[in-house]
């Protein structure tokens, strides 16, 4: 069975020992290595343990034998674009975390730094964490199925103050939102 354990582990910057220690109960780096290479069978129980250790959904560990995954073909640094040191699969945003479901906001018209066609991927966050999210772009629900989106400039006492992304718009107050989501990833077609 072809799996993506190694690709996901490397993308997250983890060693075999890191993954082994994150397993519950902990296992050895050698066991994780054998699961990665297919020398040991990836049972459903192992799939669940490794997925939790990597913070992904278990199905993300598997890949189709017929569909070719997106590969990292170059790395851009101050010295320019260079070949990667090793062959690696690229990770999809949905592969990054299984802790909470992502929320996605489509940008229909350009607004501030966001362009038409962009997708803003947001992670849900409890409202009481607003003070640690200052100066981040936030989506918050409003009554009637509407939303407020903007840079969080104040978030104490259950009242959020959002600076909209378009210039010339007034600061927006959101009273005691049921939830909020912080912009974590921007996908932009070139």
Protein backbone atom coordinates (compact mmCIF):
# COMPACT_ATOMS: atom_id res chain seq x y z
CA UNK A 1 0.00 0.00 0.00
CA UNK A 2 1.39 3.40 -0.98
CA UNK A 3 1.28 5.95 1.84
CA UNK A 4 2.20 9.59 2.37
CA UNK A 5 3.55 9.35 5.93
CA UNK A 6 7.07 10.44 4.95
CA UNK A 7 5.89 13.34 2.77
CA UNK A 8 3.56 14.68 5.47
CA UNK A 9 6.19 14.20 8.18
CA UNK A 10 8.84 16.10 6.18
CA UNK A 11 6.43 18.88 5.24
CA UNK A 12 5.70 19.39 8.94
CA UNK A 13 9.42 19.35 9.76
CA UNK A 14 9.22 16.27 12.00
CA UNK A 15 11.74 13.48 12.47
CA UNK A 16 10.88 9.80 12.77
CA UNK A 17 11.54 10.12 16.51
CA UNK A 18 9.16 13.11 16.76
CA UNK A 19 6.33 11.13 15.17
CA UNK A 20 7.10 8.09 17.32
CA UNK A 21 6.95 10.19 20.49
CA UNK A 22 3.65 11.82 19.43
CA UNK A 23 1.99 8.42 18.96
CA UNK A 24 -0.29 7.22 21.73
CA UNK A 25 1.04 5.01 23.12
CA UNK A 26 4.53 6.07 21.99
CA UNK A 27 6.37 3.81 19.59
CA UNK A 28 9.89 3.71 18.12
CA UNK A 29 11.36 5.71 15.25
CA UNK A 30 12.26 2.38 13.61
CA UNK A 31 8.60 1.31 13.59
CA UNK A 32 7.50 4.61 12.03
CA UNK A 33 10.25 4.23 9.42
CA UNK A 34 9.07 0.74 8.55
CA UNK A 35 5.48 1.97 8.21
CA UNK A 36 6.67 4.82 5.94
CA UNK A 37 8.59 2.53 3.61
CA UNK A 38 5.96 -0.21 3.54
CA UNK A 39 8.23 -2.72 5.26
CA UNK A 40 5.52 -2.98 7.91
CA UNK A 41 1.80 -3.24 7.16
CA UNK A 42 -0.15 -0.01 7.73
CA UNK A 43 -3.19 -1.43 9.53
CA UNK A 44 -6.22 0.68 10.43
CA UNK A 45 -4.99 0.91 14.02
CA UNK A 46 -1.54 2.15 12.90
CA UNK A 47 -3.13 4.52 10.41
CA UNK A 48 -5.18 6.09 13.19
CA UNK A 49 -2.18 6.40 15.54
CA UNK A 50 0.11 7.91 12.91
CA UNK A 51 -2.60 10.29 11.65
CA UNK A 52 -3.16 11.63 15.17
CA UNK A 53 0.59 12.04 15.64
CA UNK A 54 0.82 13.99 12.35
CA UNK A 55 -2.42 15.92 13.06
CA UNK A 56 -4.08 14.88 9.79
CA UNK A 57 -7.13 12.85 8.87
CA UNK A 58 -6.27 9.13 8.46
CA UNK A 59 -7.30 9.09 4.78
CA UNK A 60 -4.61 11.70 4.06
CA UNK A 61 -2.00 9.04 4.77
CA UNK A 62 -3.06 7.06 1.71
CA UNK A 63 -2.63 7.97 -1.90
CA UNK A 64 -3.86 6.53 -5.12
CA UNK A 65 -1.44 4.49 -7.16
CA UNK A 66 -2.78 6.02 -10.38
CA UNK A 67 -3.05 9.72 -9.52
CA UNK A 68 0.28 11.51 -9.55
CA UNK A 69 0.57 13.91 -6.57
CA UNK A 70 1.74 17.51 -6.83
CA UNK A 71 5.51 17.56 -6.33
CA UNK A 72 7.82 20.29 -5.04
CA UNK A 73 10.01 20.96 -8.07
CA UNK A 74 11.94 24.04 -6.87
CA UNK A 75 12.77 25.96 -3.72
CA UNK A 76 13.04 29.76 -3.87
CA UNK A 77 15.58 31.46 -1.59
CA UNK A 78 17.67 34.59 -1.65
CA UNK A 79 19.98 32.81 -4.09
CA UNK A 80 17.14 32.21 -6.55
CA UNK A 81 15.23 29.07 -7.48
CA UNK A 82 17.06 25.83 -6.77
CA UNK A 83 16.30 22.12 -7.02
CA UNK A 84 15.04 20.51 -3.83
CA UNK A 85 17.55 18.28 -2.03
CA UNK A 86 15.11 15.36 -2.10
CA UNK A 87 11.93 14.44 -3.96
CA UNK A 88 8.91 15.60 -1.92
CA UNK A 89 5.17 15.86 -2.39
CA UNK A 90 3.51 19.22 -1.89
CA UNK A 91 0.89 19.39 0.83
CA UNK A 92 -2.64 20.57 0.26
CA UNK A 93 -4.03 23.06 2.79
CA UNK A 94 -6.48 20.41 3.92
CA UNK A 95 -3.52 18.15 4.80
CA UNK A 96 -2.07 20.59 7.29
CA UNK A 97 -4.25 19.92 10.31
CA UNK A 98 -7.05 17.67 11.43
CA UNK A 99 -7.69 19.53 14.69
CA UNK A 100 -10.48 21.66 13.27
CA UNK A 101 -12.14 21.95 9.89
CA UNK A 102 -10.95 24.77 7.66
CA UNK A 103 -13.31 27.51 6.55
CA UNK A 104 -12.77 29.08 3.14
CA UNK A 105 -13.82 32.54 1.95
CA UNK A 106 -13.85 33.27 -1.80
CA UNK A 107 -12.93 36.79 -2.88
CA UNK A 108 -15.33 37.84 -5.65
CA UNK A 109 -14.09 41.42 -6.10
CA UNK A 110 -10.70 42.88 -5.27
CA UNK A 111 -10.73 44.46 -1.82
CA UNK A 112 -7.62 45.90 -0.17
CA UNK A 113 -4.78 43.38 -0.46
CA UNK A 114 -7.15 40.63 -1.61
CA UNK A 115 -7.69 40.08 -5.35
CA UNK A 116 -10.69 38.70 -7.20
CA UNK A 117 -10.31 34.92 -7.40
CA UNK A 118 -8.34 34.59 -4.15
CA UNK A 119 -9.33 32.03 -1.56
CA UNK A 120 -8.74 32.88 2.08
CA UNK A 121 -8.41 29.75 4.25
CA UNK A 122 -9.40 30.39 7.84
CA UNK A 123 -9.05 28.39 11.06
CA UNK A 124 -11.88 28.57 13.60
CA UNK A 125 -10.90 30.03 16.94
CA UNK A 126 -12.90 30.56 20.14
CA UNK A 127 -13.86 34.21 20.73
CA UNK A 128 -11.98 34.34 24.05
CA UNK A 129 -8.71 33.98 22.08
CA UNK A 130 -9.28 37.30 20.29
CA UNK A 131 -6.59 39.20 22.27
CA UNK A 132 -3.85 36.89 20.91
CA UNK A 133 -5.12 37.41 17.33
CA UNK A 134 -4.58 41.18 17.21
CA UNK A 135 -3.40 42.46 13.80
CA UNK A 136 -4.63 39.30 12.05
CA UNK A 137 -7.47 39.18 9.53
CA UNK A 138 -10.60 37.75 11.16
CA UNK A 139 -14.00 36.55 9.95
CA UNK A 140 -16.84 36.84 12.49
CA UNK A 141 -20.55 36.03 12.15
CA UNK A 142 -23.21 38.72 12.31
CA UNK A 143 -26.98 38.32 12.78
CA UNK A 144 -28.99 37.34 9.71
CA UNK A 145 -26.36 35.10 8.11
CA UNK A 146 -23.93 37.93 7.40
CA UNK A 147 -20.27 38.29 8.33
CA UNK A 148 -17.70 40.91 9.25
CA UNK A 149 -14.15 40.56 7.90
CA UNK A 150 -11.12 42.68 8.63
CA UNK A 151 -7.96 43.26 10.62
CA UNK A 152 -8.60 42.75 14.35
CA UNK A 153 -7.45 45.95 16.06
CA UNK A 154 -9.14 45.43 19.46
CA UNK A 155 -10.63 42.33 20.98
CA UNK A 156 -11.14 42.79 24.72
CA UNK A 157 -14.35 42.19 26.65
CA UNK A 158 -16.24 40.29 23.97
CA UNK A 159 -16.30 43.22 21.54
CA UNK A 160 -14.22 42.94 18.39
CA UNK A 161 -13.10 45.98 16.43
CA UNK A 162 -12.31 45.14 12.79
CA UNK A 163 -10.61 47.40 10.26
CA UNK A 164 -12.10 46.44 6.86
CA UNK A 165 -9.62 45.52 4.09
CA UNK A 166 -10.81 48.26 1.70
CA UNK A 167 -9.61 51.78 2.42
CA UNK A 168 -12.12 54.44 3.38
CA UNK A 169 -14.46 52.11 5.26
CA UNK A 170 -15.18 52.70 8.94
CA UNK A 171 -14.03 50.39 11.72
CA UNK A 172 -16.63 47.69 12.36
CA UNK A 173 -17.67 46.57 15.86
CA UNK A 174 -18.84 43.00 16.42
CA UNK A 175 -20.48 42.31 19.78
CA UNK A 176 -19.94 38.88 21.38
CA UNK A 177 -19.56 36.75 18.22
CA UNK A 178 -20.48 33.06 18.54
CA UNK A 179 -17.18 32.16 16.85
CA UNK A 180 -14.41 33.71 14.84
CA UNK A 181 -11.98 32.42 12.25
CA UNK A 182 -8.47 33.70 11.59
CA UNK A 183 -7.05 33.98 8.07
CA UNK A 184 -4.20 31.51 7.93
CA UNK A 185 -3.56 30.84 4.25
CA UNK A 186 -4.09 32.71 0.99
CA UNK A 187 -4.46 30.81 -2.27
CA UNK A 188 -4.01 33.03 -5.31
CA UNK A 189 -3.97 31.96 -8.92
CA UNK A 190 -1.31 33.74 -10.93
